[in-house]
Amino acid sequence: MPTPKFDKFKQYFNRNKQSIQEIVREPTSGGIVFRRKGTNVEILLIQDAKERWTIPKGHIEEGETAQQTARREIGEEAGLKNVEVLGWLGKIHFRYRRVDKLVLMTTQIYLVRALGDTSAIQKEEWMKDIRWFKFHDALDVIEYEDIGKLMLLAMKKIRQENL
């Protein structure tokens, strides 16, 4: 005879989720955006609706290259229009469930230097926050390990190439 504890355990695993009916691929692109403040390198991060810190990124639209998307998304999500795309850093993969769909997201990540008035950042309505972080602070708060690894690669490039 099952115990009440076991029933609770079974309940947890027997949620009536719809089975996955479709796999959807979503190509996205974004950038690790940096600026120099004196000798410090600062990284721009946005805080999403679930309070996770991440980089500006979004869906690649038809007829757009991944690099064009990164530039557009940085403009839309941060209000930074004067940016220089310095090179491709890599790609990361996310997957998540959307009701009865499994979404496979591949994000192309670029190294992007913010130019001009970099203090004039503005967040979109859906964001909790947007902020420049000193590099090591950005590494501490970033929610996604894969993005953190690419941030380390970005910093290596910034130092090696004296960007």
C-alpha atoms as a PDB file:
ATOM      1  CA  MET A   1       0.000   0.000   0.000  1.00  0.00           C
ATOM      2  CA  PRO A   2       1.561   3.362  -1.074  1.00  0.00           C
ATOM      3  CA  THR A   3       2.399   5.839   1.626  1.00  0.00           C
ATOM      4  CA  PRO A   4       1.252   9.476   1.489  1.00  0.00           C
ATOM      5  CA  LYS A   5       4.877  10.509   0.887  1.00  0.00           C
ATOM      6  CA  PHE A   6       5.118   8.180  -2.106  1.00  0.00           C
ATOM      7  CA  ASP A   7       1.809   9.511  -3.497  1.00  0.00           C
ATOM      8  CA  LYS A   8       3.188  13.033  -3.343  1.00  0.00           C
ATOM      9  CA  PHE A   9       6.342  11.872  -5.109  1.00  0.00           C
ATOM     10  CA  LYS A  10       4.327  10.164  -7.859  1.00  0.00           C
ATOM     11  CA  GLN A  11       2.178  13.257  -8.252  1.00  0.00           C
ATOM     12  CA  TYR A  12       5.274  15.326  -8.959  1.00  0.00           C
ATOM     13  CA  PHE A  13       6.294  13.104 -11.864  1.00  0.00           C
ATOM     14  CA  ASN A  14       2.802  12.417 -13.198  1.00  0.00           C
ATOM     15  CA  ARG A  15       1.896  15.993 -14.030  1.00  0.00           C
ATOM     16  CA  ASN A  16      -0.445  16.062 -16.942  1.00  0.00           C
ATOM     17  CA  LYS A  17       1.863  17.792 -19.376  1.00  0.00           C
ATOM     18  CA  GLN A  18       1.043  17.658 -23.020  1.00  0.00           C
ATOM     19  CA  SER A  19       3.470  15.462 -24.882  1.00  0.00           C
ATOM     20  CA  ILE A  20       5.849  17.162 -27.253  1.00  0.00           C
ATOM     21  CA  GLN A  21       4.248  17.305 -30.672  1.00  0.00           C
ATOM     22  CA  GLU A  22       6.780  19.388 -32.541  1.00  0.00           C
ATOM     23  CA  ILE A  23      10.423  20.433 -32.468  1.00  0.00           C
ATOM     24  CA  VAL A  24      11.008  24.050 -33.436  1.00  0.00           C
ATOM     25  CA  ARG A  25      14.393  25.541 -34.324  1.00  0.00           C
ATOM     26  CA  GLU A  26      14.871  29.212 -33.522  1.00  0.00           C
ATOM     27  CA  PRO A  27      18.034  30.929 -34.779  1.00  0.00           C
ATOM     28  CA  THR A  28      18.970  33.957 -32.691  1.00  0.00           C
ATOM     29  CA  SER A  29      21.886  36.320 -32.410  1.00  0.00           C
ATOM     30  CA  GLY A  30      23.301  38.736 -29.874  1.00  0.00           C
ATOM     31  CA  GLY A  31      26.361  40.434 -28.582  1.00  0.00           C
ATOM     32  CA  ILE A  32      28.711  40.731 -25.670  1.00  0.00           C
ATOM     33  CA  VAL A  33      28.748  44.510 -25.615  1.00  0.00           C
ATOM     34  CA  PHE A  34      31.654  46.252 -23.923  1.00  0.00           C
ATOM     35  CA  ARG A  35      33.023  49.714 -23.292  1.00  0.00           C
ATOM     36  CA  ARG A  36      36.149  51.040 -21.657  1.00  0.00           C
ATOM     37  CA  LYS A  37      35.853  53.255 -18.580  1.00  0.00           C
ATOM     38  CA  GLY A  38      39.407  54.342 -17.899  1.00  0.00           C
ATOM     39  CA  THR A  39      41.338  51.109 -17.471  1.00  0.00           C
ATOM     40  CA  ASN A  40      38.199  49.093 -16.719  1.00  0.00           C
ATOM     41  CA  VAL A  41      36.300  47.031 -19.253  1.00  0.00           C
ATOM     42  CA  GLU A  42      32.553  47.099 -18.633  1.00  0.00           C
ATOM     43  CA  ILE A  43      29.987  44.677 -20.024  1.00  0.00           C
ATOM     44  CA  LEU A  44      26.370  45.551 -20.765  1.00  0.00           C
ATOM     45  CA  LEU A  45      23.822  43.121 -19.330  1.00  0.00           C
ATOM     46  CA  ILE A  46      20.047  43.112 -19.340  1.00  0.00           C
ATOM     47  CA  GLN A  47      17.827  41.571 -16.686  1.00  0.00           C
ATOM     48  CA  ASP A  48      14.931  39.667 -18.202  1.00  0.00           C
ATOM     49  CA  ALA A  49      11.383  39.377 -16.855  1.00  0.00           C
ATOM     50  CA  LYS A  50      12.452  36.357 -14.752  1.00  0.00           C
ATOM     51  CA  GLU A  51      15.232  38.478 -13.194  1.00  0.00           C
ATOM     52  CA  ARG A  52      18.057  36.611 -14.969  1.00  0.00           C
ATOM     53  CA  TRP A  53      21.020  38.648 -16.181  1.00  0.00           C
ATOM     54  CA  THR A  54      21.962  38.018 -19.813  1.00  0.00           C
ATOM     55  CA  ILE A  55      23.188  39.733 -22.974  1.00  0.00           C
ATOM     56  CA  PRO A  56      21.104  41.522 -25.613  1.00  0.00           C
ATOM     57  CA  LYS A  57      19.944  38.991 -28.201  1.00  0.00           C
ATOM     58  CA  GLY A  58      16.955  38.140 -30.342  1.00  0.00           C
ATOM     59  CA  HIS A  59      15.509  36.247 -33.279  1.00  0.00           C
ATOM     60  CA  ILE A  60      17.092  36.459 -36.705  1.00  0.00           C
ATOM     61  CA  GLU A  61      14.523  37.889 -39.087  1.00  0.00           C
ATOM     62  CA  GLU A  62      14.090  36.735 -42.663  1.00  0.00           C
ATOM     63  CA  GLY A  63      16.719  38.240 -44.969  1.00  0.00           C
ATOM     64  CA  GLU A  64      18.929  39.287 -42.061  1.00  0.00           C
ATOM     65  CA  THR A  65      22.416  37.988 -41.260  1.00  0.00           C
ATOM     66  CA  ALA A  66      23.270  36.952 -37.699  1.00  0.00           C
ATOM     67  CA  GLN A  67      25.592  39.956 -37.454  1.00  0.00           C
ATOM     68  CA  GLN A  68      22.837  42.345 -38.590  1.00  0.00           C
ATOM     69  CA  THR A  69      20.517  40.809 -35.995  1.00  0.00           C
ATOM     70  CA  ALA A  70      23.056  41.316 -33.202  1.00  0.00           C
ATOM     71  CA  ARG A  71      23.425  44.988 -34.163  1.00  0.00           C
ATOM     72  CA  ARG A  72      19.641  45.481 -34.445  1.00  0.00           C
ATOM     73  CA  GLU A  73      18.869  43.732 -31.145  1.00  0.00           C
ATOM     74  CA  ILE A  74      21.494  45.773 -29.272  1.00  0.00           C
ATOM     75  CA  GLY A  75      19.866  48.898 -30.686  1.00  0.00           C
ATOM     76  CA  GLU A  76      16.355  47.770 -29.771  1.00  0.00           C
ATOM     77  CA  GLU A  77      17.095  46.288 -26.359  1.00  0.00           C
ATOM     78  CA  ALA A  78      19.649  48.800 -25.098  1.00  0.00           C
ATOM     79  CA  GLY A  79      19.145  51.896 -27.218  1.00  0.00           C
ATOM     80  CA  LEU A  80      22.771  51.669 -28.418  1.00  0.00           C
ATOM     81  CA  LYS A  81      22.840  52.464 -32.132  1.00  0.00           C
ATOM     82  CA  ASN A  82      26.518  53.418 -32.390  1.00  0.00           C
ATOM     83  CA  VAL A  83      28.260  50.053 -32.084  1.00  0.00           C
ATOM     84  CA  GLU A  84      31.098  48.252 -33.817  1.00  0.00           C
ATOM     85  CA  VAL A  85      30.871  44.483 -34.375  1.00  0.00           C
ATOM     86  CA  LEU A  86      34.450  43.267 -33.896  1.00  0.00           C
ATOM     87  CA  GLY A  87      34.042  39.570 -34.572  1.00  0.00           C
ATOM     88  CA  TRP A  88      32.251  36.323 -33.919  1.00  0.00           C
ATOM     89  CA  LEU A  89      32.838  34.674 -30.524  1.00  0.00           C
ATOM     90  CA  GLY A  90      30.862  31.455 -30.893  1.00  0.00           C
ATOM     91  CA  LYS A  91      27.415  30.006 -30.575  1.00  0.00           C
ATOM     92  CA  ILE A  92      25.394  28.671 -27.695  1.00  0.00           C
ATOM     93  CA  HIS A  93      22.451  26.323 -27.570  1.00  0.00           C
ATOM     94  CA  PHE A  94      19.364  26.543 -25.373  1.00  0.00           C
ATOM     95  CA  ARG A  95      16.368  24.304 -25.294  1.00  0.00           C
ATOM     96  CA  TYR A  96      13.112  24.808 -23.544  1.00  0.00           C
ATOM     97  CA  ARG A  97       9.542  23.640 -23.669  1.00  0.00           C
ATOM     98  CA  ARG A  98       6.708  25.789 -24.979  1.00  0.00           C
ATOM     99  CA  VAL A  99       3.477  23.895 -24.197  1.00  0.00           C
ATOM    100  CA  ASP A 100       3.631  20.993 -26.698  1.00  0.00           C
ATOM    101  CA  LYS A 101       6.750  22.178 -28.557  1.00  0.00           C
ATOM    102  CA  LEU A 102      10.413  21.613 -27.864  1.00  0.00           C
ATOM    103  CA  VAL A 103      12.252  24.770 -28.867  1.00  0.00           C
ATOM    104  CA  LEU A 104      15.890  24.382 -29.896  1.00  0.00           C
ATOM    105  CA  MET A 105      17.515  27.798 -29.916  1.00  0.00           C
ATOM    106  CA  THR A 106      20.964  28.464 -31.372  1.00  0.00           C
ATOM    107  CA  THR A 107      22.415  31.892 -30.606  1.00  0.00           C
ATOM    108  CA  GLN A 108      25.337  33.363 -32.543  1.00  0.00           C
ATOM    109  CA  ILE A 109      27.355  35.647 -30.243  1.00  0.00           C
ATOM    110  CA  TYR A 110      29.508  38.576 -31.411  1.00  0.00           C
ATOM    111  CA  LEU A 111      31.998  40.826 -29.658  1.00  0.00           C
ATOM    112  CA  VAL A 112      30.613  44.364 -29.909  1.00  0.00           C
ATOM    113  CA  ARG A 113      32.172  47.659 -28.844  1.00  0.00           C
ATOM    114  CA  ALA A 114      29.774  50.423 -27.795  1.00  0.00           C
ATOM    115  CA  LEU A 115      30.803  53.820 -29.159  1.00  0.00           C
ATOM    116  CA  GLY A 116      29.683  57.367 -28.487  1.00  0.00           C
ATOM    117  CA  ASP A 117      27.497  58.123 -25.457  1.00  0.00           C
ATOM    118  CA  THR A 118      27.386  54.691 -23.855  1.00  0.00           C
ATOM    119  CA  SER A 119      25.676  55.967 -20.701  1.00  0.00           C
ATOM    120  CA  ALA A 120      22.467  56.655 -22.635  1.00  0.00           C
ATOM    121  CA  ILE A 121      21.252  53.056 -22.394  1.00  0.00           C
ATOM    122  CA  GLN A 122      17.526  52.463 -22.114  1.00  0.00           C
ATOM    123  CA  LYS A 123      15.710  49.267 -21.344  1.00  0.00           C
ATOM    124  CA  GLU A 124      12.692  47.913 -23.120  1.00  0.00           C
ATOM    125  CA  GLU A 125       9.431  47.643 -21.186  1.00  0.00           C
ATOM    126  CA  TRP A 126       9.648  43.855 -20.645  1.00  0.00           C
ATOM    127  CA  MET A 127      13.063  44.097 -18.952  1.00  0.00           C
ATOM    128  CA  LYS A 128      13.601  44.399 -15.216  1.00  0.00           C
ATOM    129  CA  ASP A 129      16.904  46.263 -15.577  1.00  0.00           C
ATOM    130  CA  ILE A 130      19.823  47.125 -17.845  1.00  0.00           C
ATOM    131  CA  ARG A 131      23.251  48.014 -16.539  1.00  0.00           C
ATOM    132  CA  TRP A 132      26.968  48.287 -17.264  1.00  0.00           C
ATOM    133  CA  PHE A 133      29.001  45.956 -15.031  1.00  0.00           C
ATOM    134  CA  LYS A 134      32.719  45.811 -14.406  1.00  0.00           C
ATOM    135  CA  PHE A 135      33.878  42.661 -16.171  1.00  0.00           C
ATOM    136  CA  HIS A 136      34.307  40.489 -13.052  1.00  0.00           C
ATOM    137  CA  ASP A 137      30.954  41.624 -11.636  1.00  0.00           C
ATOM    138  CA  ALA A 138      29.295  40.739 -14.948  1.00  0.00           C
ATOM    139  CA  LEU A 139      30.817  37.246 -14.732  1.00  0.00           C
ATOM    140  CA  ASP A 140      29.404  36.894 -11.211  1.00  0.00           C
ATOM    141  CA  VAL A 141      25.819  37.777 -12.150  1.00  0.00           C
ATOM    142  CA  ILE A 142      25.494  36.210 -15.618  1.00  0.00           C
ATOM    143  CA  GLU A 143      22.929  33.403 -15.452  1.00  0.00           C
ATOM    144  CA  TYR A 144      24.130  31.231 -18.298  1.00  0.00           C
ATOM    145  CA  GLU A 145      27.416  29.359 -18.034  1.00  0.00           C
ATOM    146  CA  ASP A 146      27.871  29.215 -21.827  1.00  0.00           C
ATOM    147  CA  ILE A 147      27.603  33.004 -22.073  1.00  0.00           C
ATOM    148  CA  GLY A 148      30.064  33.319 -19.178  1.00  0.00           C
ATOM    149  CA  LYS A 149      32.581  31.214 -21.106  1.00  0.00           C
ATOM    150  CA  LEU A 150      32.182  33.441 -24.160  1.00  0.00           C
ATOM    151  CA  MET A 151      32.611  36.510 -21.929  1.00  0.00           C
ATOM    152  CA  LEU A 152      35.986  35.107 -20.833  1.00  0.00           C
ATOM    153  CA  LEU A 153      36.919  34.608 -24.484  1.00  0.00           C
ATOM    154  CA  ALA A 154      35.771  38.178 -25.225  1.00  0.00           C
ATOM    155  CA  MET A 155      37.949  39.552 -22.434  1.00  0.00           C
ATOM    156  CA  LYS A 156      40.940  37.587 -23.741  1.00  0.00           C
ATOM    157  CA  LYS A 157      40.430  39.143 -27.204  1.00  0.00           C
ATOM    158  CA  ILE A 158      39.983  42.622 -25.743  1.00  0.00           C
ATOM    159  CA  ARG A 159      43.286  42.307 -23.856  1.00  0.00           C
ATOM    160  CA  GLN A 160      45.282  40.562 -26.595  1.00  0.00           C
ATOM    161  CA  GLU A 161      44.155  42.942 -29.324  1.00  0.00           C
ATOM    162  CA  ASN A 162      44.155  46.000 -27.031  1.00  0.00           C
ATOM    163  CA  LEU A 163      40.570  46.846 -27.963  1.00  0.00           C
END
